[in-house]
Amino acid sequence: MKAIIPVAGAGTKLRPHSYTQPKALIPLAGKTVLSIIVDQLREADIKEFIFIVGYLGDKIRDYVEARYPDLQAHYVQQIDRQGIGHAINLARGIVNNDEVFVVLGDTICEYDVKEVANSPVSMLGVRKVDDPREFGVAEMDDDGYIDHVVEKPQIPKSNMALVGIYKIKETEMLFQCLENNFLQGLRTHGEYSLTDALDCMLHKGAKFKPFKVDSWFDCGRKETLLESNSTLLKKFAQDNAREYNFENTVIIPPVSIADGCDIKNSIIGPNVSIGENTAINYSIIRNSIIGTFSNLYDIVLEASIIGSDTALHGETRRLNIGDNTSIDLG
């Protein structure tokens, strides 16, 4: 089995951060979105990974090679982004009809990865949502199998959203359906959709069983990213548990403070993630994500995301600041 992780998107909803950092590498609870996905799949003994890269793809490659030097990794460039279906098809030559485990690069869920990987049938991750019009939607038959999937329907017949996790056994059929959609110019909302290819497979007789995820963390927008950071900090509390010894500083868990940080005369937490080599002095930080190599002085931050290599001096604010920024609010 091979894992395919599409990470070529530009992450427009997370700008300005995604101008300089791929969405999959945004810091989250002391980890990154990508590292959480890869760690989950490695728990299921998946050893070969195909990363579909594009925008800032060199940063994805550098990160994977540094963090996972033993990983059997392939990198496929998606220069012209035409949708997830188009991205998956680029991996065809590497997949070579093996089973695939596809996880979208902004998808973090809690589920039994081993059970899904070892399933004798293809499986699609689903989650009940209040408004399914923004998602791929799965419709079930009387036997509990999926009999139809549709991408972002205006009038949904089901409230079971596809979460972006797909275990597919019939890969030869998958690539045939993708190729057919390309030849027919079958686009949904202007893109070649993986959902349309899966529906083609269903019409050809493929069997898909749904599996429900326990939690689904939205990492696509600032507000939901901060909520996900808070929840995951609690989940990874044991991993992040350590004795912080900073001068005249109060730490309120849960927090994740990376190595090399210099923090003085401050209150940090709760629900704060701080990247490596960041300096903080005379400040109060809560419910926020701070990047690496940043410098914060005399400021109170709440519900904020601060990029890397950023200097910030001043007063109480709610901020969403990208990398390589210098701001004085004095």
Protein backbone atom coordinates (compact mmCIF):
# COMPACT_ATOMS: atom_id res chain seq x y z
CA MET A 1 0.00 0.00 0.00
CA LYS A 2 1.15 3.51 -0.86
CA ALA A 3 0.05 6.77 0.73
CA ILE A 4 -0.77 9.75 -1.48
CA ILE A 5 -0.81 13.17 0.19
CA PRO A 6 -1.77 16.12 -2.06
CA VAL A 7 -0.12 19.28 -0.67
CA ALA A 8 0.00 21.49 -3.77
CA GLY A 9 -2.72 23.97 -2.75
CA ALA A 10 -1.94 27.65 -2.21
CA GLY A 11 -3.93 27.90 1.04
CA THR A 12 -5.60 31.18 0.13
CA LYS A 13 -7.85 31.18 3.23
CA LEU A 14 -4.79 31.16 5.49
CA ARG A 15 -3.08 34.16 3.97
CA PRO A 16 -0.81 35.95 4.78
CA HIS A 17 0.82 32.86 6.35
CA SER A 18 0.48 30.70 3.27
CA TYR A 19 2.39 33.24 1.16
CA THR A 20 5.65 31.98 2.65
CA GLN A 21 4.70 28.64 4.24
CA PRO A 22 2.74 25.73 2.75
CA LYS A 23 -0.55 25.20 4.55
CA ALA A 24 0.55 21.68 5.52
CA LEU A 25 3.54 23.13 7.42
CA ILE A 26 1.59 25.64 9.53
CA PRO A 27 2.56 24.92 13.18
CA LEU A 28 -0.10 23.17 15.20
CA ALA A 29 0.17 21.97 18.82
CA GLY A 30 3.93 21.56 18.60
CA LYS A 31 3.70 19.66 15.32
CA THR A 32 2.55 20.48 11.79
CA VAL A 33 -0.52 19.37 9.87
CA LEU A 34 1.72 17.24 7.64
CA SER A 35 3.62 15.58 10.50
CA ILE A 36 0.36 14.56 12.20
CA ILE A 37 -0.86 12.94 8.95
CA VAL A 38 2.43 11.14 8.26
CA ASP A 39 2.73 9.90 11.86
CA GLN A 40 -0.79 8.47 11.71
CA LEU A 41 -0.11 6.59 8.46
CA ARG A 42 3.20 5.24 9.72
CA GLU A 43 1.33 3.75 12.69
CA ALA A 44 -0.54 1.64 10.11
CA ASP A 45 2.85 0.42 8.80
CA ILE A 46 2.61 2.39 5.57
CA LYS A 47 6.16 3.01 4.45
CA GLU A 48 5.92 4.50 0.94
CA PHE A 49 4.60 8.03 0.49
CA ILE A 50 3.79 10.09 -2.60
CA PHE A 51 3.61 13.83 -2.00
CA ILE A 52 1.87 15.87 -4.69
CA VAL A 53 3.62 19.22 -4.38
CA GLY A 54 3.34 22.54 -6.16
CA TYR A 55 3.29 25.92 -4.46
CA LEU A 56 6.36 26.11 -2.15
CA GLY A 57 6.93 22.41 -2.81
CA ASP A 58 10.63 22.66 -2.00
CA LYS A 59 9.72 23.48 1.61
CA ILE A 60 7.60 20.32 1.80
CA ARG A 61 10.49 18.24 0.51
CA ASP A 62 13.03 19.85 2.84
CA TYR A 63 10.74 19.32 5.82
CA VAL A 64 10.05 15.65 5.05
CA GLU A 65 13.71 14.87 4.41
CA ALA A 66 14.77 16.56 7.64
CA ARG A 67 12.05 15.12 9.89
CA TYR A 68 11.70 11.67 8.26
CA PRO A 69 15.11 10.81 6.77
CA ASP A 70 14.22 7.10 6.56
CA LEU A 71 10.90 7.65 4.77
CA GLN A 72 10.51 6.17 1.28
CA ALA A 73 9.18 9.33 -0.33
CA HIS A 74 8.31 10.37 -3.89
CA TYR A 75 7.58 13.95 -4.95
CA VAL A 76 5.33 14.70 -7.91
CA GLN A 77 4.99 18.28 -9.16
CA GLN A 78 1.51 19.60 -9.91
CA ILE A 79 2.38 22.70 -11.89
CA ASP A 80 -1.11 23.42 -13.20
CA ARG A 81 -3.53 22.89 -10.32
CA GLN A 82 -6.72 21.47 -11.81
CA GLY A 83 -8.18 19.78 -8.76
CA ILE A 84 -7.60 16.80 -6.49
CA GLY A 85 -8.54 14.32 -9.23
CA HIS A 86 -5.84 15.80 -11.44
CA ALA A 87 -3.34 15.65 -8.54
CA ILE A 88 -4.03 11.97 -7.83
CA ASN A 89 -3.68 11.04 -11.49
CA LEU A 90 -0.13 12.46 -11.53
CA ALA A 91 0.90 9.62 -9.18
CA ARG A 92 -0.30 6.91 -11.54
CA GLY A 93 3.15 5.77 -12.66
CA ILE A 94 4.36 5.38 -9.08
CA VAL A 95 1.24 3.67 -7.74
CA ASN A 96 1.50 0.88 -10.33
CA ASN A 97 -1.94 -0.55 -9.38
CA ASP A 98 -1.04 -0.98 -5.69
CA GLU A 99 -3.63 -0.08 -3.10
CA VAL A 100 -3.55 3.57 -2.05
CA PHE A 101 -4.38 5.47 1.10
CA VAL A 102 -5.18 9.07 0.12
CA VAL A 103 -5.21 11.78 2.78
CA LEU A 104 -5.69 15.40 1.75
CA GLY A 105 -2.88 17.58 3.07
CA ASP A 106 -5.12 19.76 5.26
CA THR A 107 -7.08 16.88 6.80
CA ILE A 108 -6.55 15.86 10.42
CA CYS A 109 -8.96 13.30 11.81
CA GLU A 110 -9.05 10.83 14.68
CA TYR A 111 -9.89 7.31 13.50
CA ASP A 112 -8.57 3.75 13.58
CA VAL A 113 -5.97 4.02 10.83
CA LYS A 114 -4.91 0.37 11.06
CA GLU A 115 -8.49 -0.87 10.73
CA VAL A 116 -9.03 1.23 7.62
CA ALA A 117 -5.68 0.26 6.07
CA ASN A 118 -6.36 -3.44 6.64
CA SER A 119 -9.96 -3.37 5.41
CA PRO A 120 -10.71 -5.96 2.68
CA VAL A 121 -12.82 -3.35 0.83
CA SER A 122 -12.30 0.24 -0.18
CA MET A 123 -13.32 2.78 2.46
CA LEU A 124 -14.17 6.48 2.54
CA GLY A 125 -14.04 8.62 5.69
CA VAL A 126 -17.30 10.43 6.50
CA ARG A 127 -18.60 12.79 9.14
CA LYS A 128 -22.09 14.16 9.75
CA VAL A 129 -22.21 17.94 9.18
CA ASP A 130 -24.88 20.59 9.52
CA ASP A 131 -24.37 22.07 6.03
CA PRO A 132 -22.93 19.54 3.55
CA ARG A 133 -23.04 21.89 0.54
CA GLU A 134 -19.36 22.79 0.96
CA PHE A 135 -18.17 19.17 0.91
CA GLY A 136 -18.22 16.00 -1.08
CA VAL A 137 -21.29 14.09 0.11
CA ALA A 138 -21.83 10.33 0.43
CA GLU A 139 -25.22 8.66 0.05
CA MET A 140 -25.72 5.18 1.56
CA ASP A 141 -27.72 2.16 0.44
CA ASP A 142 -29.79 -0.11 2.70
CA ASP A 143 -26.79 -2.38 3.33
CA GLY A 144 -24.66 0.44 4.72
CA TYR A 145 -22.43 0.77 1.66
CA ILE A 146 -21.96 3.99 -0.30
CA ASP A 147 -23.95 4.01 -3.53
CA HIS A 148 -23.40 7.59 -4.71
CA VAL A 149 -21.00 10.47 -4.02
CA VAL A 150 -21.35 14.03 -5.27
CA GLU A 151 -19.10 17.07 -4.89
CA LYS A 152 -20.62 20.15 -3.18
CA PRO A 153 -24.27 19.53 -4.15
CA GLN A 154 -26.63 22.50 -4.03
CA ILE A 155 -29.43 20.24 -2.74
CA PRO A 156 -27.72 17.49 -0.68
CA LYS A 157 -29.57 14.21 -0.21
CA SER A 158 -27.32 13.29 2.70
CA ASN A 159 -25.54 15.11 5.52
CA MET A 160 -22.56 12.70 5.51
CA ALA A 161 -19.57 14.71 4.30
CA LEU A 162 -16.41 13.15 2.84
CA VAL A 163 -13.60 14.22 5.17
CA GLY A 164 -10.72 13.76 2.71
CA ILE A 165 -9.51 10.25 3.66
CA TYR A 166 -9.79 7.47 1.07
CA LYS A 167 -8.54 3.86 1.16
CA ILE A 168 -8.85 2.52 -2.40
CA LYS A 169 -8.15 -1.07 -3.50
CA GLU A 170 -9.26 -0.84 -7.15
CA THR A 171 -6.63 1.66 -8.27
CA GLU A 172 -6.64 0.52 -11.89
CA MET A 173 -10.34 1.36 -12.04
CA LEU A 174 -9.69 4.67 -10.25
CA PHE A 175 -7.17 5.81 -12.85
CA GLN A 176 -9.43 4.63 -15.68
CA CYS A 177 -12.25 6.76 -14.29
CA LEU A 178 -9.96 9.75 -13.86
CA GLU A 179 -8.78 9.36 -17.47
CA ASN A 180 -12.38 9.13 -18.69
CA ASN A 181 -13.27 12.31 -16.83
CA PHE A 182 -10.31 14.11 -18.41
CA LEU A 183 -11.27 12.94 -21.91
CA GLN A 184 -14.87 14.09 -21.36
CA GLY A 185 -13.80 17.36 -19.77
CA LEU A 186 -15.93 16.47 -16.74
CA ARG A 187 -15.22 19.22 -14.21
CA THR A 188 -17.07 20.15 -11.06
CA HIS A 189 -16.77 23.78 -9.93
CA GLY A 190 -14.03 24.19 -12.54
CA GLU A 191 -11.84 21.33 -11.30
CA TYR A 192 -11.28 17.64 -11.93
CA SER A 193 -12.76 16.19 -8.77
CA LEU A 194 -11.70 12.97 -7.06
CA THR A 195 -15.33 12.64 -5.97
CA ASP A 196 -16.47 12.39 -9.62
CA ALA A 197 -13.95 9.60 -10.23
CA LEU A 198 -15.16 7.72 -7.15
CA ASP A 199 -18.74 8.01 -8.37
CA CYS A 200 -17.63 6.62 -11.73
CA MET A 201 -16.12 3.65 -9.87
CA LEU A 202 -19.40 3.08 -8.04
CA HIS A 203 -21.24 2.97 -11.39
CA LYS A 204 -18.71 0.39 -12.58
CA GLY A 205 -19.46 -1.85 -9.60
CA ALA A 206 -16.77 -0.91 -7.06
CA LYS A 207 -17.74 -1.31 -3.40
CA PHE A 208 -17.07 1.49 -0.92
CA LYS A 209 -17.73 1.19 2.78
CA PRO A 210 -17.96 4.34 4.92
CA PHE A 211 -16.07 4.76 8.16
CA LYS A 212 -16.88 7.50 10.62
CA VAL A 213 -14.09 9.62 12.06
CA ASP A 214 -14.19 10.45 15.76
CA SER A 215 -12.96 14.02 15.31
CA TRP A 216 -12.33 16.21 12.30
CA PHE A 217 -10.06 19.22 12.71
CA ASP A 218 -10.46 22.09 10.29
CA CYS A 219 -7.08 23.64 9.49
CA GLY A 220 -8.15 25.76 6.54
CA ARG A 221 -9.01 29.10 8.20
CA LYS A 222 -7.55 31.21 11.00
CA GLU A 223 -10.46 30.81 13.43
CA THR A 224 -10.78 27.06 13.02
CA LEU A 225 -6.99 26.62 13.04
CA LEU A 226 -6.86 28.19 16.50
CA GLU A 227 -9.70 25.94 17.68
CA SER A 228 -7.86 22.90 16.33
CA ASN A 229 -4.65 24.03 18.00
CA SER A 230 -6.45 24.25 21.35
CA THR A 231 -8.04 20.82 21.01
CA LEU A 232 -4.85 19.13 19.82
CA LEU A 233 -2.78 20.73 22.58
CA LYS A 234 -5.05 18.96 25.05
CA LYS A 235 -4.77 15.72 23.09
CA PHE A 236 -0.98 15.90 22.89
CA ALA A 237 -0.65 17.21 26.46
CA GLN A 238 1.40 14.19 27.53
CA ASP A 239 3.72 14.56 24.52
CA ASN A 240 4.19 18.25 25.30
CA ALA A 241 4.49 17.81 29.07
CA ARG A 242 7.82 19.16 30.28
CA GLU A 243 9.17 21.42 32.94
CA TYR A 244 9.58 24.92 31.52
CA ASN A 245 11.98 27.07 33.46
CA PHE A 246 11.78 30.62 32.18
CA GLU A 247 12.75 33.71 34.16
CA ASN A 248 9.86 35.32 36.05
CA THR A 249 7.32 33.61 33.78
CA VAL A 250 4.02 31.84 34.44
CA ILE A 251 3.06 28.91 32.17
CA ILE A 252 -0.64 27.96 32.04
CA PRO A 253 -1.15 24.55 30.32
CA PRO A 254 -1.75 23.31 27.76
CA VAL A 255 1.11 24.87 25.83
CA SER A 256 3.82 23.72 23.45
CA ILE A 257 7.07 25.67 23.55
CA ALA A 258 9.77 24.53 21.15
CA ASP A 259 13.48 24.36 21.88
CA GLY A 260 15.67 27.44 21.93
CA CYS A 261 13.02 29.89 23.17
CA ASP A 262 13.97 32.76 25.47
CA ILE A 263 10.95 33.84 27.56
CA LYS A 264 11.08 36.35 30.43
CA ASN A 265 8.62 38.31 32.57
CA SER A 266 5.61 36.88 30.77
CA ILE A 267 2.44 34.81 31.09
CA ILE A 268 2.06 32.09 28.47
CA GLY A 269 -1.12 30.06 28.04
CA PRO A 270 -3.47 28.47 27.93
CA ASN A 271 -3.64 27.03 24.39
CA VAL A 272 -0.42 28.50 23.02
CA SER A 273 2.04 26.98 20.53
CA ILE A 274 5.43 28.67 20.13
CA GLY A 275 8.00 27.74 17.50
CA GLU A 276 11.75 27.36 17.91
CA ASN A 277 14.11 30.16 18.92
CA THR A 278 11.42 32.71 19.67
CA ALA A 279 12.06 35.48 22.22
CA ILE A 280 9.22 36.84 24.38
CA ASN A 281 9.56 39.49 27.08
CA TYR A 282 7.05 41.44 29.20
CA SER A 283 4.13 39.88 27.33
CA ILE A 284 0.92 37.90 27.85
CA ILE A 285 0.07 35.31 25.20
CA ARG A 286 -3.04 33.13 25.21
CA ASN A 287 -4.98 31.08 22.64
CA SER A 288 -2.41 31.80 19.94
CA ILE A 289 0.15 30.30 17.55
CA ILE A 290 3.59 31.93 17.35
CA GLY A 291 6.09 31.00 14.63
CA THR A 292 9.84 30.41 14.82
CA PHE A 293 12.60 33.00 15.29
CA SER A 294 10.11 35.70 16.29
CA ASN A 295 10.58 38.49 18.83
CA LEU A 296 7.65 39.71 20.94
CA TYR A 297 8.08 42.52 23.47
CA ASP A 298 5.59 44.30 25.73
CA ILE A 299 2.43 42.97 24.10
CA VAL A 300 -0.76 41.13 25.02
CA LEU A 301 -1.99 38.68 22.37
CA GLU A 302 -5.16 36.61 22.27
CA ALA A 303 -6.63 34.55 19.41
CA SER A 304 -3.68 35.48 17.20
CA ILE A 305 -1.45 33.78 14.66
CA ILE A 306 2.02 35.27 14.30
CA GLY A 307 4.32 34.08 11.53
CA SER A 308 8.03 33.27 11.68
CA ASP A 309 10.88 35.82 11.73
CA THR A 310 8.50 38.47 13.06
CA ALA A 311 9.25 41.37 15.42
CA LEU A 312 6.27 42.69 17.38
CA HIS A 313 6.32 45.43 20.03
CA GLY A 314 3.31 47.21 21.51
CA GLU A 315 -0.08 46.81 23.15
CA THR A 316 -3.12 44.52 23.34
CA ARG A 317 -4.28 43.43 19.90
CA ARG A 318 -5.88 40.55 18.00
CA LEU A 319 -3.58 39.88 15.08
CA ASN A 320 -3.09 37.68 12.03
CA ILE A 321 0.46 38.46 10.84
CA GLY A 322 2.53 36.64 8.25
CA ASP A 323 6.25 35.88 8.17
CA ASN A 324 9.10 38.39 7.96
CA THR A 325 7.13 41.25 9.49
CA SER A 326 8.15 44.03 11.86
CA ILE A 327 5.40 45.97 13.69
CA ASP A 328 5.69 48.53 16.49
CA LEU A 329 2.39 49.24 18.25
CA GLY A 330 3.94 51.56 20.82
